[in-house]
Amino acid sequence: MRLILALFLLVVPTLSMATPPRIVSVDEDLLAINATHVFILRTISDNHGYHQVNQTDVTLIARNRETGWDDQHWPVLSVRDNGFPTDAADPNSRVTNLGLPERVNPYDVVLWRKAYLPFSPHYVPTDLDVAFSAGRFTLRRNNALHSFELADVQAALEESFAASRKTIPIATGQISSGVAEDDFDYLFAVPVALNETCAVTALYVLPDWSDAGPNQQLIKLDCANEDRPFAVFVPMTAELSD
């Protein structure tokens, strides 16, 4: 009986530490705004198929307020948390700097582009009415209708993800465990899809000082895709008033 119990105690940790799926996720934070662009910090996280490992790539994006497409990407940070120190003599060797010789300080870009930090609260109003229907996303608020074609924004996001990868290429070769990394980029494991699984988790009002019409809305869509979860900002201008 004791032998059976001992074997069980050995097997349980092994099962709990079974290799997880390779997951690459995308998240965005609003950094600053000017009259033509929103400046976004995008974080791409990659667990490399391990419980303990997490690689973090951060890019700064200038997203055009009018078109919703990205006009520029800058590299900011690329590091990998190995889950444990790789050098027994250095407890801080847990983190590997993957190196970005042309990386920028995001706040230098904010000053250069004369942008201001967001002051409106990033909240989701209770009167927000959203819908995915007939290939469009619609949002109604304060008697104003905002909408966009899903295909247009999905295409913009596909190009945006590719631009992030061009700015900070996918890591290949050996990771801390000594296991070779495969060359498949899991960021593109599935096409970008905006649908009912996406929720509006933040909303900013972007004043348009040159126009007396409705203010522009900047929404954050959080899409819980199992293969590649992502959360992104989409600028929306009011099309008409009821």
C-alpha atoms as a PDB file:
ATOM      1  CA  MET A   1       0.000   0.000   0.000  1.00  0.00           C
ATOM      2  CA  ARG A   2       2.829   2.360   0.858  1.00  0.00           C
ATOM      3  CA  LEU A   3       4.475   1.600  -2.482  1.00  0.00           C
ATOM      4  CA  ILE A   4       1.269   2.422  -4.356  1.00  0.00           C
ATOM      5  CA  LEU A   5       0.917   5.697  -2.433  1.00  0.00           C
ATOM      6  CA  ALA A   6       4.526   6.626  -3.142  1.00  0.00           C
ATOM      7  CA  LEU A   7       4.073   5.979  -6.858  1.00  0.00           C
ATOM      8  CA  PHE A   8       0.866   8.059  -6.854  1.00  0.00           C
ATOM      9  CA  LEU A   9       2.648  11.009  -5.234  1.00  0.00           C
ATOM     10  CA  LEU A  10       5.344  10.811  -7.890  1.00  0.00           C
ATOM     11  CA  VAL A  11       2.857  10.724 -10.771  1.00  0.00           C
ATOM     12  CA  VAL A  12       0.570  13.579  -9.632  1.00  0.00           C
ATOM     13  CA  PRO A  13       3.179  16.384  -9.953  1.00  0.00           C
ATOM     14  CA  THR A  14       4.166  15.002 -13.349  1.00  0.00           C
ATOM     15  CA  LEU A  15       0.576  15.219 -14.566  1.00  0.00           C
ATOM     16  CA  SER A  16       0.105  18.714 -13.156  1.00  0.00           C
ATOM     17  CA  MET A  17       3.265  19.889 -14.937  1.00  0.00           C
ATOM     18  CA  ALA A  18       2.369  18.348 -18.294  1.00  0.00           C
ATOM     19  CA  THR A  19       3.514  20.439 -21.227  1.00  0.00           C
ATOM     20  CA  PRO A  20       0.920  23.192 -21.879  1.00  0.00           C
ATOM     21  CA  PRO A  21      -0.103  24.306 -25.357  1.00  0.00           C
ATOM     22  CA  ARG A  22       1.933  26.971 -27.092  1.00  0.00           C
ATOM     23  CA  ILE A  23       0.002  30.213 -26.545  1.00  0.00           C
ATOM     24  CA  VAL A  24       0.790  33.603 -28.058  1.00  0.00           C
ATOM     25  CA  SER A  25      -1.392  36.487 -26.858  1.00  0.00           C
ATOM     26  CA  VAL A  26      -1.654  40.152 -27.782  1.00  0.00           C
ATOM     27  CA  ASP A  27      -2.618  43.036 -25.518  1.00  0.00           C
ATOM     28  CA  GLU A  28      -2.585  46.802 -26.000  1.00  0.00           C
ATOM     29  CA  ASP A  29      -2.397  49.779 -23.650  1.00  0.00           C
ATOM     30  CA  LEU A  30      -3.166  53.357 -24.629  1.00  0.00           C
ATOM     31  CA  LEU A  31      -0.121  55.549 -24.020  1.00  0.00           C
ATOM     32  CA  ALA A  32      -0.883  58.926 -25.603  1.00  0.00           C
ATOM     33  CA  ILE A  33      -3.008  60.821 -28.134  1.00  0.00           C
ATOM     34  CA  ASN A  34      -2.509  63.671 -30.585  1.00  0.00           C
ATOM     35  CA  ALA A  35      -4.732  65.192 -33.267  1.00  0.00           C
ATOM     36  CA  THR A  36      -3.980  62.491 -35.857  1.00  0.00           C
ATOM     37  CA  HIS A  37      -2.885  59.348 -33.987  1.00  0.00           C
ATOM     38  CA  VAL A  38      -3.253  57.264 -30.874  1.00  0.00           C
ATOM     39  CA  PHE A  39       0.000  55.864 -29.511  1.00  0.00           C
ATOM     40  CA  ILE A  40      -0.321  52.327 -28.252  1.00  0.00           C
ATOM     41  CA  LEU A  41       2.011  49.965 -26.421  1.00  0.00           C
ATOM     42  CA  ARG A  42       1.428  46.440 -27.725  1.00  0.00           C
ATOM     43  CA  THR A  43       2.626  43.453 -25.705  1.00  0.00           C
ATOM     44  CA  ILE A  44       3.004  40.083 -27.414  1.00  0.00           C
ATOM     45  CA  SER A  45       3.421  37.272 -24.865  1.00  0.00           C
ATOM     46  CA  ASP A  46       4.668  33.785 -25.773  1.00  0.00           C
ATOM     47  CA  ASN A  47       4.942  30.881 -23.333  1.00  0.00           C
ATOM     48  CA  HIS A  48       7.007  28.798 -25.814  1.00  0.00           C
ATOM     49  CA  GLY A  49       4.929  25.798 -24.752  1.00  0.00           C
ATOM     50  CA  TYR A  50       6.200  25.815 -21.157  1.00  0.00           C
ATOM     51  CA  HIS A  51       4.605  26.572 -17.799  1.00  0.00           C
ATOM     52  CA  GLN A  52       7.522  28.668 -16.539  1.00  0.00           C
ATOM     53  CA  VAL A  53       8.615  30.519 -19.674  1.00  0.00           C
ATOM     54  CA  ASN A  54       7.196  33.821 -20.897  1.00  0.00           C
ATOM     55  CA  GLN A  55       8.685  35.950 -23.640  1.00  0.00           C
ATOM     56  CA  THR A  56       7.491  39.554 -23.810  1.00  0.00           C
ATOM     57  CA  ASP A  57       7.873  41.719 -26.915  1.00  0.00           C
ATOM     58  CA  VAL A  58       6.668  45.315 -26.695  1.00  0.00           C
ATOM     59  CA  THR A  59       6.205  47.644 -29.644  1.00  0.00           C
ATOM     60  CA  LEU A  60       5.019  51.241 -29.778  1.00  0.00           C
ATOM     61  CA  ILE A  61       2.405  51.849 -32.462  1.00  0.00           C
ATOM     62  CA  ALA A  62       1.159  55.045 -34.086  1.00  0.00           C
ATOM     63  CA  ARG A  63      -2.418  54.162 -35.088  1.00  0.00           C
ATOM     64  CA  ASN A  64      -4.140  56.589 -37.433  1.00  0.00           C
ATOM     65  CA  ARG A  65      -7.312  58.001 -35.871  1.00  0.00           C
ATOM     66  CA  GLU A  66      -8.989  58.468 -39.249  1.00  0.00           C
ATOM     67  CA  THR A  67      -8.147  55.200 -41.029  1.00  0.00           C
ATOM     68  CA  GLY A  68      -7.658  52.868 -38.054  1.00  0.00           C
ATOM     69  CA  TRP A  69      -4.491  51.506 -39.692  1.00  0.00           C
ATOM     70  CA  ASP A  70      -1.015  51.637 -38.182  1.00  0.00           C
ATOM     71  CA  ASP A  71       1.372  54.187 -39.667  1.00  0.00           C
ATOM     72  CA  GLN A  72       4.493  53.229 -37.710  1.00  0.00           C
ATOM     73  CA  HIS A  73       5.896  50.660 -35.280  1.00  0.00           C
ATOM     74  CA  TRP A  74       8.904  51.105 -32.994  1.00  0.00           C
ATOM     75  CA  PRO A  75      10.699  48.395 -30.952  1.00  0.00           C
ATOM     76  CA  VAL A  76      10.607  48.963 -27.183  1.00  0.00           C
ATOM     77  CA  LEU A  77      11.427  45.754 -25.301  1.00  0.00           C
ATOM     78  CA  SER A  78      12.169  42.083 -25.918  1.00  0.00           C
ATOM     79  CA  VAL A  79      12.870  39.876 -22.883  1.00  0.00           C
ATOM     80  CA  ARG A  80      12.289  36.281 -21.866  1.00  0.00           C
ATOM     81  CA  ASP A  81      11.452  35.092 -18.357  1.00  0.00           C
ATOM     82  CA  ASN A  82      13.101  31.663 -18.214  1.00  0.00           C
ATOM     83  CA  GLY A  83      11.226  30.709 -15.052  1.00  0.00           C
ATOM     84  CA  PHE A  84      14.417  30.161 -13.076  1.00  0.00           C
ATOM     85  CA  PRO A  85      17.964  31.641 -12.967  1.00  0.00           C
ATOM     86  CA  THR A  86      20.172  30.360 -15.777  1.00  0.00           C
ATOM     87  CA  ASP A  87      23.292  31.224 -13.764  1.00  0.00           C
ATOM     88  CA  ALA A  88      23.408  29.859 -10.222  1.00  0.00           C
ATOM     89  CA  ALA A  89      25.680  32.734  -9.174  1.00  0.00           C
ATOM     90  CA  ASP A  90      23.261  35.397 -10.418  1.00  0.00           C
ATOM     91  CA  PRO A  91      19.653  35.266  -9.136  1.00  0.00           C
ATOM     92  CA  ASN A  92      18.693  37.947 -11.673  1.00  0.00           C
ATOM     93  CA  SER A  93      19.735  35.720 -14.582  1.00  0.00           C
ATOM     94  CA  ARG A  94      16.163  34.439 -14.717  1.00  0.00           C
ATOM     95  CA  VAL A  95      15.460  37.156 -17.305  1.00  0.00           C
ATOM     96  CA  THR A  96      17.208  37.153 -20.678  1.00  0.00           C
ATOM     97  CA  ASN A  97      17.508  40.424 -22.594  1.00  0.00           C
ATOM     98  CA  LEU A  98      16.955  39.399 -26.212  1.00  0.00           C
ATOM     99  CA  GLY A  99      18.446  42.644 -27.452  1.00  0.00           C
ATOM    100  CA  LEU A 100      16.951  45.454 -29.545  1.00  0.00           C
ATOM    101  CA  PRO A 101      19.713  47.744 -30.830  1.00  0.00           C
ATOM    102  CA  GLU A 102      17.217  50.241 -32.285  1.00  0.00           C
ATOM    103  CA  ARG A 103      14.755  50.310 -29.401  1.00  0.00           C
ATOM    104  CA  VAL A 104      13.134  53.603 -28.451  1.00  0.00           C
ATOM    105  CA  ASN A 105      11.941  55.260 -25.270  1.00  0.00           C
ATOM    106  CA  PRO A 106       8.149  55.565 -25.818  1.00  0.00           C
ATOM    107  CA  TYR A 107       8.010  58.881 -23.965  1.00  0.00           C
ATOM    108  CA  ASP A 108      10.606  60.368 -26.305  1.00  0.00           C
ATOM    109  CA  VAL A 109       8.204  59.595 -29.166  1.00  0.00           C
ATOM    110  CA  VAL A 110       5.318  61.115 -27.165  1.00  0.00           C
ATOM    111  CA  LEU A 111       7.283  64.365 -26.794  1.00  0.00           C
ATOM    112  CA  TRP A 112       8.405  64.333 -30.436  1.00  0.00           C
ATOM    113  CA  ARG A 113       4.853  63.799 -31.733  1.00  0.00           C
ATOM    114  CA  LYS A 114       3.394  66.388 -29.312  1.00  0.00           C
ATOM    115  CA  ALA A 115       0.961  63.884 -27.859  1.00  0.00           C
ATOM    116  CA  TYR A 116      -0.829  64.109 -24.543  1.00  0.00           C
ATOM    117  CA  LEU A 117      -1.553  61.380 -22.037  1.00  0.00           C
ATOM    118  CA  PRO A 118      -5.191  60.226 -21.891  1.00  0.00           C
ATOM    119  CA  PHE A 119      -7.261  61.954 -19.247  1.00  0.00           C
ATOM    120  CA  SER A 120     -10.695  60.417 -19.802  1.00  0.00           C
ATOM    121  CA  PRO A 121     -11.424  57.295 -17.742  1.00  0.00           C
ATOM    122  CA  HIS A 122     -11.198  54.004 -19.606  1.00  0.00           C
ATOM    123  CA  TYR A 123     -14.586  52.634 -18.623  1.00  0.00           C
ATOM    124  CA  VAL A 124     -17.484  50.880 -20.304  1.00  0.00           C
ATOM    125  CA  PRO A 125     -20.694  52.946 -19.943  1.00  0.00           C
ATOM    126  CA  THR A 126     -23.850  51.155 -18.883  1.00  0.00           C
ATOM    127  CA  ASP A 127     -25.745  52.656 -21.824  1.00  0.00           C
ATOM    128  CA  LEU A 128     -23.392  51.128 -24.403  1.00  0.00           C
ATOM    129  CA  ASP A 129     -25.276  49.185 -27.090  1.00  0.00           C
ATOM    130  CA  VAL A 130     -23.038  46.973 -29.255  1.00  0.00           C
ATOM    131  CA  ALA A 131     -23.794  44.373 -31.911  1.00  0.00           C
ATOM    132  CA  PHE A 132     -22.098  42.144 -34.480  1.00  0.00           C
ATOM    133  CA  SER A 133     -24.423  41.766 -37.458  1.00  0.00           C
ATOM    134  CA  ALA A 134     -24.230  41.403 -41.245  1.00  0.00           C
ATOM    135  CA  GLY A 135     -20.472  41.782 -41.315  1.00  0.00           C
ATOM    136  CA  ARG A 136     -20.473  44.986 -39.271  1.00  0.00           C
ATOM    137  CA  PHE A 137     -19.786  46.032 -35.698  1.00  0.00           C
ATOM    138  CA  THR A 138     -22.078  48.771 -34.413  1.00  0.00           C
ATOM    139  CA  LEU A 139     -21.957  50.822 -31.250  1.00  0.00           C
ATOM    140  CA  ARG A 140     -24.650  53.245 -30.131  1.00  0.00           C
ATOM    141  CA  ARG A 141     -24.073  55.807 -27.418  1.00  0.00           C
ATOM    142  CA  ASN A 142     -25.425  59.287 -26.662  1.00  0.00           C
ATOM    143  CA  ASN A 143     -27.722  59.139 -29.705  1.00  0.00           C
ATOM    144  CA  ALA A 144     -24.730  58.617 -32.016  1.00  0.00           C
ATOM    145  CA  LEU A 145     -24.050  55.546 -34.140  1.00  0.00           C
ATOM    146  CA  HIS A 146     -20.505  54.260 -34.627  1.00  0.00           C
ATOM    147  CA  SER A 147     -19.764  51.285 -36.852  1.00  0.00           C
ATOM    148  CA  PHE A 148     -17.125  49.587 -38.969  1.00  0.00           C
ATOM    149  CA  GLU A 149     -16.882  46.744 -41.448  1.00  0.00           C
ATOM    150  CA  LEU A 150     -15.450  43.709 -39.673  1.00  0.00           C
ATOM    151  CA  ALA A 151     -13.439  42.693 -42.743  1.00  0.00           C
ATOM    152  CA  ASP A 152     -11.743  46.108 -42.895  1.00  0.00           C
ATOM    153  CA  VAL A 153     -10.596  46.069 -39.265  1.00  0.00           C
ATOM    154  CA  GLN A 154      -9.586  42.412 -39.449  1.00  0.00           C
ATOM    155  CA  ALA A 155      -7.389  43.210 -42.453  1.00  0.00           C
ATOM    156  CA  ALA A 156      -5.852  46.163 -40.604  1.00  0.00           C
ATOM    157  CA  LEU A 157      -5.098  43.937 -37.600  1.00  0.00           C
ATOM    158  CA  GLU A 158      -3.536  41.199 -39.743  1.00  0.00           C
ATOM    159  CA  GLU A 159      -1.186  43.792 -41.230  1.00  0.00           C
ATOM    160  CA  SER A 160      -0.595  45.277 -37.776  1.00  0.00           C
ATOM    161  CA  PHE A 161       0.428  41.909 -36.293  1.00  0.00           C
ATOM    162  CA  ALA A 162       2.773  41.347 -39.233  1.00  0.00           C
ATOM    163  CA  ALA A 163       4.301  44.802 -38.693  1.00  0.00           C
ATOM    164  CA  SER A 164       4.949  43.980 -35.032  1.00  0.00           C
ATOM    165  CA  ARG A 165       6.728  40.785 -36.057  1.00  0.00           C
ATOM    166  CA  LYS A 166       8.795  42.680 -38.623  1.00  0.00           C
ATOM    167  CA  THR A 167       9.749  45.197 -35.920  1.00  0.00           C
ATOM    168  CA  ILE A 168      10.654  42.465 -33.401  1.00  0.00           C
ATOM    169  CA  PRO A 169      11.160  39.139 -35.243  1.00  0.00           C
ATOM    170  CA  ILE A 170      10.023  35.886 -33.660  1.00  0.00           C
ATOM    171  CA  ALA A 171      12.672  34.225 -31.478  1.00  0.00           C
ATOM    172  CA  THR A 172      14.081  30.975 -32.860  1.00  0.00           C
ATOM    173  CA  GLY A 173      16.851  28.619 -31.847  1.00  0.00           C
ATOM    174  CA  GLN A 174      17.427  27.432 -28.278  1.00  0.00           C
ATOM    175  CA  ILE A 175      15.428  28.420 -25.237  1.00  0.00           C
ATOM    176  CA  SER A 176      16.545  28.004 -21.638  1.00  0.00           C
ATOM    177  CA  SER A 177      15.508  24.354 -21.439  1.00  0.00           C
ATOM    178  CA  GLY A 178      17.834  23.502 -24.308  1.00  0.00           C
ATOM    179  CA  VAL A 179      14.925  22.418 -26.495  1.00  0.00           C
ATOM    180  CA  ALA A 180      15.015  23.809 -30.005  1.00  0.00           C
ATOM    181  CA  GLU A 181      12.308  26.353 -30.845  1.00  0.00           C
ATOM    182  CA  ASP A 182      10.241  25.565 -33.929  1.00  0.00           C
ATOM    183  CA  ASP A 183      10.012  28.101 -36.731  1.00  0.00           C
ATOM    184  CA  PHE A 184       6.209  28.281 -36.874  1.00  0.00           C
ATOM    185  CA  ASP A 185       4.872  31.658 -35.755  1.00  0.00           C
ATOM    186  CA  TYR A 186       1.906  30.976 -33.481  1.00  0.00           C
ATOM    187  CA  LEU A 187       0.906  34.631 -33.687  1.00  0.00           C
ATOM    188  CA  PHE A 188      -0.596  33.668 -37.047  1.00  0.00           C
ATOM    189  CA  ALA A 189      -1.964  30.275 -35.957  1.00  0.00           C
ATOM    190  CA  VAL A 190      -5.490  31.412 -36.797  1.00  0.00           C
ATOM    191  CA  PRO A 191      -6.874  34.355 -38.815  1.00  0.00           C
ATOM    192  CA  VAL A 192      -7.952  37.469 -36.944  1.00  0.00           C
ATOM    193  CA  ALA A 193     -11.673  37.132 -36.249  1.00  0.00           C
ATOM    194  CA  LEU A 194     -13.918  39.754 -34.654  1.00  0.00           C
ATOM    195  CA  ASN A 195     -17.216  38.281 -33.513  1.00  0.00           C
ATOM    196  CA  GLU A 196     -19.587  37.900 -30.561  1.00  0.00           C
ATOM    197  CA  THR A 197     -16.787  36.432 -28.438  1.00  0.00           C
ATOM    198  CA  CYS A 198     -15.194  39.910 -28.387  1.00  0.00           C
ATOM    199  CA  ALA A 199     -16.212  42.281 -25.597  1.00  0.00           C
ATOM    200  CA  VAL A 200     -15.747  46.030 -25.252  1.00  0.00           C
ATOM    201  CA  THR A 201     -13.562  46.352 -22.139  1.00  0.00           C
ATOM    202  CA  ALA A 202     -12.540  50.015 -22.354  1.00  0.00           C
ATOM    203  CA  LEU A 203     -13.755  53.218 -23.975  1.00  0.00           C
ATOM    204  CA  TYR A 204     -12.031  56.576 -24.378  1.00  0.00           C
ATOM    205  CA  VAL A 205     -13.531  59.766 -25.765  1.00  0.00           C
ATOM    206  CA  LEU A 206     -11.198  61.448 -28.246  1.00  0.00           C
ATOM    207  CA  PRO A 207     -12.248  65.089 -28.710  1.00  0.00           C
ATOM    208  CA  ASP A 208     -12.046  66.518 -32.213  1.00  0.00           C
ATOM    209  CA  TRP A 209     -11.334  70.198 -31.613  1.00  0.00           C
ATOM    210  CA  SER A 210     -11.681  71.049 -35.313  1.00  0.00           C
ATOM    211  CA  ASP A 211     -15.225  69.735 -35.649  1.00  0.00           C
ATOM    212  CA  ALA A 212     -18.419  70.518 -33.785  1.00  0.00           C
ATOM    213  CA  GLY A 213     -19.777  67.016 -34.472  1.00  0.00           C
ATOM    214  CA  PRO A 214     -19.805  63.994 -32.149  1.00  0.00           C
ATOM    215  CA  ASN A 215     -16.521  63.083 -30.497  1.00  0.00           C
ATOM    216  CA  GLN A 216     -14.577  60.083 -31.707  1.00  0.00           C
ATOM    217  CA  GLN A 217     -14.678  56.946 -29.571  1.00  0.00           C
ATOM    218  CA  LEU A 218     -11.684  54.679 -29.006  1.00  0.00           C
ATOM    219  CA  ILE A 219     -12.782  51.225 -27.914  1.00  0.00           C
ATOM    220  CA  LYS A 220     -10.805  48.236 -26.738  1.00  0.00           C
ATOM    221  CA  LEU A 221     -12.034  44.878 -28.028  1.00  0.00           C
ATOM    222  CA  ASP A 222     -11.000  41.870 -25.953  1.00  0.00           C
ATOM    223  CA  CYS A 223     -11.318  38.649 -27.946  1.00  0.00           C
ATOM    224  CA  ALA A 224     -10.854  35.441 -25.934  1.00  0.00           C
ATOM    225  CA  ASN A 225      -9.645  33.184 -28.720  1.00  0.00           C
ATOM    226  CA  GLU A 226      -8.196  29.954 -27.288  1.00  0.00           C
ATOM    227  CA  ASP A 227      -5.421  29.729 -29.887  1.00  0.00           C
ATOM    228  CA  ARG A 228      -4.409  33.385 -29.953  1.00  0.00           C
ATOM    229  CA  PRO A 229      -6.264  35.675 -27.503  1.00  0.00           C
ATOM    230  CA  PHE A 230      -5.951  39.346 -28.341  1.00  0.00           C
ATOM    231  CA  ALA A 231      -7.115  42.733 -27.106  1.00  0.00           C
ATOM    232  CA  VAL A 232      -6.838  45.721 -29.443  1.00  0.00           C
ATOM    233  CA  PHE A 233      -7.879  49.370 -29.753  1.00  0.00           C
ATOM    234  CA  VAL A 234     -10.118  50.509 -32.606  1.00  0.00           C
ATOM    235  CA  PRO A 235     -10.877  54.209 -33.266  1.00  0.00           C
ATOM    236  CA  MET A 236     -14.495  54.879 -34.292  1.00  0.00           C
ATOM    237  CA  THR A 237     -15.995  58.114 -35.604  1.00  0.00           C
ATOM    238  CA  ALA A 238     -19.736  58.782 -35.363  1.00  0.00           C
ATOM    239  CA  GLU A 239     -21.496  58.301 -38.684  1.00  0.00           C
ATOM    240  CA  LEU A 240     -24.871  59.850 -37.899  1.00  0.00           C
ATOM    241  CA  SER A 241     -27.106  61.010 -35.082  1.00  0.00           C
ATOM    242  CA  ASP A 242     -30.535  59.590 -34.355  1.00  0.00           C
END
